[in-house]
Protein backbone atom coordinates (compact mmCIF):
# COMPACT_ATOMS: atom_id res chain seq x y z
CA MET A 1 -0.31 0.30 -0.18
CA LYS A 2 2.83 2.63 0.76
CA SER A 3 3.91 2.16 -2.58
CA GLU A 4 0.74 3.41 -3.71
CA PHE A 5 0.32 6.24 -2.02
CA GLN A 6 4.16 7.00 -3.15
CA ARG A 7 3.17 6.07 -6.86
CA LEU A 8 0.02 8.89 -6.64
CA TYR A 9 2.08 11.35 -5.72
CA GLN A 10 4.12 10.87 -8.21
CA GLN A 11 2.24 10.81 -10.68
CA LEU A 12 0.24 14.45 -9.44
CA TYR A 13 3.44 15.64 -9.46
CA ARG A 14 4.14 14.96 -13.03
CA HIS A 15 0.82 15.75 -14.39
CA PHE A 16 0.47 19.46 -12.35
CA GLY A 17 3.95 20.09 -11.06
CA SER A 18 4.66 22.12 -7.85
CA GLN A 19 1.42 23.88 -6.37
CA GLY A 20 3.32 26.49 -4.17
CA TRP A 21 0.84 26.46 -1.63
CA TRP A 22 -0.21 28.26 0.32
CA PRO A 23 0.19 31.36 -1.58
CA THR A 24 -1.96 34.83 -1.35
CA THR A 25 -1.55 37.70 -3.41
CA PRO A 26 -2.62 41.04 -2.11
CA PRO A 27 -4.10 44.00 -3.99
CA GLY A 28 -1.61 45.38 -6.89
CA GLU A 29 0.86 42.77 -6.83
CA THR A 30 0.85 40.22 -9.59
CA ARG A 31 2.15 37.54 -8.04
CA PRO A 32 2.01 35.43 -4.01
CA ARG A 33 3.98 36.96 -1.46
CA TYR A 34 5.00 33.21 0.01
CA TYR A 35 5.16 29.85 -0.87
CA PRO A 36 5.15 27.98 2.28
CA GLY A 37 6.13 24.73 0.34
CA GLN A 38 9.57 26.02 -0.56
CA VAL A 39 12.24 24.08 1.90
CA GLY A 40 13.95 25.89 4.58
CA ARG A 41 11.73 29.04 3.86
CA PRO A 42 10.62 30.16 7.02
CA LEU A 43 7.59 32.27 7.69
CA SER A 44 6.94 35.55 9.34
CA GLU A 45 4.25 36.22 11.75
CA ASP A 46 1.89 37.52 9.78
CA GLU A 47 2.61 35.30 6.91
CA GLN A 48 1.14 32.52 9.47
CA TRP A 49 -1.46 34.56 10.77
CA GLU A 50 -2.44 35.23 7.06
CA ILE A 51 -2.63 31.52 6.58
CA ALA A 52 -4.66 30.92 10.15
CA VAL A 53 -7.03 33.63 8.45
CA GLY A 54 -7.54 31.86 5.44
CA ALA A 55 -7.93 28.57 6.78
CA LEU A 56 -11.31 29.75 8.47
CA LEU A 57 -12.38 32.00 5.95
CA THR A 58 -11.91 28.91 3.15
CA GLN A 59 -14.26 27.07 5.11
CA ASN A 60 -17.35 25.92 3.20
CA THR A 61 -16.65 27.87 0.18
CA ALA A 62 -13.72 28.26 -2.71
CA TRP A 63 -10.21 29.78 -2.32
CA ARG A 64 -10.92 32.41 -4.79
CA ASN A 65 -13.85 33.69 -2.40
CA ALA A 66 -11.92 33.32 0.58
CA GLU A 67 -9.06 35.20 -1.40
CA GLN A 68 -11.49 37.81 -1.87
CA ALA A 69 -11.94 38.42 1.67
CA LEU A 70 -8.21 38.68 2.37
CA GLU A 71 -7.87 41.02 -0.37
CA ALA A 72 -10.47 42.92 1.36
CA LEU A 73 -9.03 43.00 4.85
CA HIS A 74 -5.68 43.81 3.28
CA ARG A 75 -6.97 46.88 1.93
CA HIS A 76 -8.72 48.17 4.81
CA GLY A 77 -5.44 47.43 7.15
CA ALA A 78 -7.38 44.74 9.12
CA LEU A 79 -6.04 41.42 8.57
CA ALA A 80 -2.98 42.14 11.06
CA LEU A 81 -3.60 40.41 14.45
CA GLN A 82 -4.51 42.72 16.83
CA ALA A 83 -6.50 45.74 14.02
CA LEU A 84 -8.96 42.10 13.08
CA ALA A 85 -9.42 41.67 17.00
CA GLY A 86 -10.48 45.14 17.33
CA LEU A 87 -13.10 45.33 14.91
CA GLU A 88 -16.80 45.81 15.44
CA GLU A 89 -17.93 42.44 14.60
CA ARG A 90 -20.47 43.79 12.18
CA GLN A 91 -17.63 45.92 10.24
CA LEU A 92 -15.40 42.57 10.20
CA ALA A 93 -18.17 40.52 8.27
CA ALA A 94 -18.65 43.29 5.95
CA LEU A 95 -15.31 43.02 5.35
CA ILE A 96 -15.35 38.89 4.69
CA ARG A 97 -19.01 38.77 2.87
CA SER A 98 -17.09 37.56 -0.14
CA SER A 99 -16.51 34.50 1.93
CA GLY A 100 -20.14 33.47 2.69
CA TYR A 101 -21.27 32.80 6.18
CA TYR A 102 -19.53 35.88 7.20
CA ASN A 103 -21.40 36.78 10.35
CA GLN A 104 -20.06 33.63 11.18
CA LYS A 105 -16.78 33.52 10.37
CA ALA A 106 -16.32 36.67 11.45
CA ARG A 107 -17.06 35.46 15.03
CA ARG A 108 -14.54 32.47 14.63
CA LEU A 109 -11.62 34.99 13.48
CA GLN A 110 -11.95 37.25 16.83
CA HIS A 111 -12.03 34.16 18.71
CA LEU A 112 -9.06 33.28 17.36
CA ALA A 113 -7.27 36.45 17.32
CA ARG A 114 -8.25 37.20 21.00
CA HIS A 115 -7.28 33.71 22.08
CA VAL A 116 -3.67 34.46 20.90
CA ALA A 117 -3.56 37.79 22.49
CA THR A 118 -4.69 36.75 25.54
CA HIS A 119 -2.76 33.31 25.69
CA HIS A 120 0.41 34.01 23.54
CA GLN A 121 0.97 37.52 23.52
CA GLY A 122 -0.51 37.68 20.16
CA GLU A 123 1.82 35.95 18.33
CA LEU A 124 0.25 33.11 16.56
CA GLY A 125 4.16 31.57 15.90
CA ARG A 126 3.88 31.07 20.09
CA LEU A 127 0.91 28.84 20.15
CA LEU A 128 2.20 26.68 17.17
CA ASP A 129 5.59 26.15 18.24
CA GLY A 130 4.05 24.02 20.88
CA PRO A 131 4.15 20.10 20.45
CA THR A 132 1.85 18.80 17.38
CA ARG A 133 -0.69 17.16 19.70
CA ALA A 134 -1.03 19.65 22.49
CA VAL A 135 -1.42 22.56 19.91
CA ARG A 136 -4.38 20.89 17.78
CA ALA A 137 -6.34 20.42 20.47
CA GLU A 138 -6.01 23.95 21.85
CA LEU A 139 -7.00 24.78 18.01
CA LEU A 140 -10.09 21.98 18.19
CA ALA A 141 -11.35 23.50 21.78
CA LEU A 142 -11.64 26.96 19.36
CA PRO A 143 -15.14 27.76 18.76
CA GLY A 144 -15.52 26.98 14.79
CA ILE A 145 -12.31 25.24 14.53
CA GLY A 146 -12.77 21.79 13.13
CA PRO A 147 -10.04 18.97 12.55
CA GLU A 148 -9.83 20.53 8.77
CA THR A 149 -9.38 23.82 9.53
CA ALA A 150 -6.69 22.96 12.49
CA ASP A 151 -4.68 21.08 10.57
CA SER A 152 -4.45 22.81 7.79
CA ILE A 153 -3.18 25.53 10.61
CA LEU A 154 -0.88 23.40 11.57
CA LEU A 155 0.95 22.15 8.30
CA TYR A 156 0.68 25.20 6.06
CA ALA A 157 1.11 27.87 9.12
CA GLY A 158 3.38 25.81 11.65
CA GLY A 159 4.83 23.41 9.54
CA HIS A 160 4.07 20.33 11.78
CA PRO A 161 4.13 17.07 9.62
CA VAL A 162 0.10 16.76 10.02
CA PHE A 163 -1.47 15.41 6.70
CA VAL A 164 -4.92 17.85 6.17
CA VAL A 165 -7.89 15.70 4.84
CA ASP A 166 -10.95 17.13 3.39
CA ALA A 167 -14.03 16.22 0.96
CA TYR A 168 -11.39 15.99 -1.92
CA THR A 169 -9.52 13.59 -0.20
CA ARG A 170 -12.29 11.41 1.03
CA ARG A 171 -13.45 11.66 -2.80
CA ILE A 172 -10.32 10.49 -4.98
CA CYS A 173 -9.70 8.06 -2.25
CA SER A 174 -13.09 6.58 -2.41
CA ARG A 175 -13.08 6.39 -6.32
CA LEU A 176 -9.81 4.92 -6.19
CA GLY A 177 -11.25 2.12 -4.37
CA TRP A 178 -8.86 2.76 -1.02
CA VAL A 179 -11.31 3.37 1.26
CA GLY A 180 -15.54 3.52 1.08
CA GLU A 181 -17.06 6.29 1.16
CA GLY A 182 -18.23 6.92 4.72
CA THR A 183 -14.54 6.99 6.00
CA GLY A 184 -13.90 9.01 9.01
CA HIS A 185 -11.42 12.02 8.95
CA ALA A 186 -8.89 10.11 11.47
CA ALA A 187 -9.04 7.05 9.78
CA LEU A 188 -8.39 8.54 6.08
CA GLN A 189 -5.73 10.83 7.88
CA GLU A 190 -3.92 7.93 9.74
CA LEU A 191 -3.56 6.06 6.34
CA PHE A 192 -2.18 8.66 4.68
CA MET A 193 0.41 9.27 7.66
CA LYS A 194 1.35 5.27 7.92
CA HIS A 195 1.99 5.33 4.70
CA LEU A 196 4.17 8.31 3.73
CA PRO A 197 7.50 10.04 5.36
CA ALA A 198 6.20 12.45 7.95
CA ALA A 199 7.47 15.44 6.28
CA ALA A 200 5.39 18.45 6.19
CA ALA A 201 6.23 19.82 2.55
CA LEU A 202 5.60 16.52 1.52
CA PHE A 203 2.49 17.11 3.02
CA ASN A 204 1.79 20.21 2.06
CA GLU A 205 2.69 19.47 -1.65
CA TYR A 206 0.41 16.01 -1.75
CA HIS A 207 -3.02 18.20 -0.38
CA ALA A 208 -2.24 20.39 -3.15
CA LEU A 209 -2.14 18.25 -5.27
CA LEU A 210 -5.08 16.32 -4.27
CA VAL A 211 -6.97 19.56 -4.52
CA ARG A 212 -5.85 20.40 -7.84
CA LEU A 213 -6.93 16.95 -8.86
CA ALA A 214 -10.40 17.31 -7.37
CA THR A 215 -11.37 20.93 -8.85
CA SER A 216 -9.76 19.69 -12.64
CA TYR A 217 -10.89 16.39 -12.87
CA CYS A 218 -12.30 14.13 -10.32
CA ARG A 219 -15.32 16.74 -9.46
CA SER A 220 -18.25 15.94 -8.29
CA ARG A 221 -19.25 14.58 -11.88
CA PRO A 222 -15.94 13.50 -13.14
CA GLN A 223 -13.90 13.94 -16.35
CA CYS A 224 -12.41 10.55 -15.88
CA ALA A 225 -11.19 10.68 -19.95
CA ALA A 226 -8.38 12.81 -19.50
CA CYS A 227 -7.82 12.12 -15.64
CA PRO A 228 -4.03 11.18 -14.83
CA LEU A 229 -4.65 8.47 -12.75
CA ARG A 230 -7.56 6.77 -14.77
CA ARG A 231 -5.54 3.57 -15.38
CA TRP A 232 -4.95 3.02 -11.68
CA CYS A 233 -8.61 4.34 -11.16
CA ARG A 234 -10.98 1.97 -10.13
CA HIS A 235 -14.11 4.61 -10.95
CA GLY A 236 -12.22 5.61 -13.76
CA GLN A 237 -11.60 2.15 -14.65
CA GLY A 238 -15.47 1.56 -14.82
CA GLN A 239 -16.24 4.32 -17.66
CA ASP A 240 -14.70 2.25 -20.18
CA HIS A 241 -17.75 -0.22 -20.09
C-alpha cells in the first residue's frame, strides 16, 4: 500500500507540477508573496497569521472567495491580528462577506485572534511552536475550528507534519477504491500518515495536488477521460464499460 501512495504523489506531481501552497496575492501585486512549501523558507509572524485567517475563511467556500475576503482585509488594514481583534464584529463581517457565512466566520476569527492575544502574547507562532498534539487540541477547543481547519493551520502555518484531509481527499480515495465512502477523517488521515514519510513539505505538496486533481478532473461529475489517474482508478476504469 505504501507504494500506492507514493505512486499517486509521483503521478500527480508529474502531471501538475509544484503547487506552491499556501499563496495569497495582495492587491496591486501580480504574484503570491510567499510559498510555505519551499524547503527552508521560514514564515514571518504575519504570514503565519494570514494563513490561519485564510484557513477559516475558506471553510465551506471556494478559495477564490476566501482570497477576495483576504484582499478586502488587506485594503482596509484589518488583517493584522490586533487590528482584526479590535474591529466591531459587523465591520469584520462586512469585509469578509465574499467568503460566505460571514457573520459566523467573523465571530470565529475574533475568537482565534483574542485567544492568541490573551494566551500567546499576540503571536500565533508562540502557539504553533508547541508539540503537535497539544497545539491541535488547543485549536480544536476554539469555536468553529474543526479537524480540517486545525490541520491546515498546523501544516501550512506551523510546519507540523500533519496530513490535511478534506472532502476532496475522501472523494479521490473512494473513487480509487482505497477506502469506503463513509471512512472518517481520523481513519483517512492515519492511512496517509502511516504510508508516507512524516515530512511537512511532502504533506503540503501532496494535499495541494489532491485539491488540484479534484478541481480539475475528479469533480462531483468526474472528467475521467483526461484524468492522469484513470489507469489506476476503479471509478475511472468503470467508465470504459
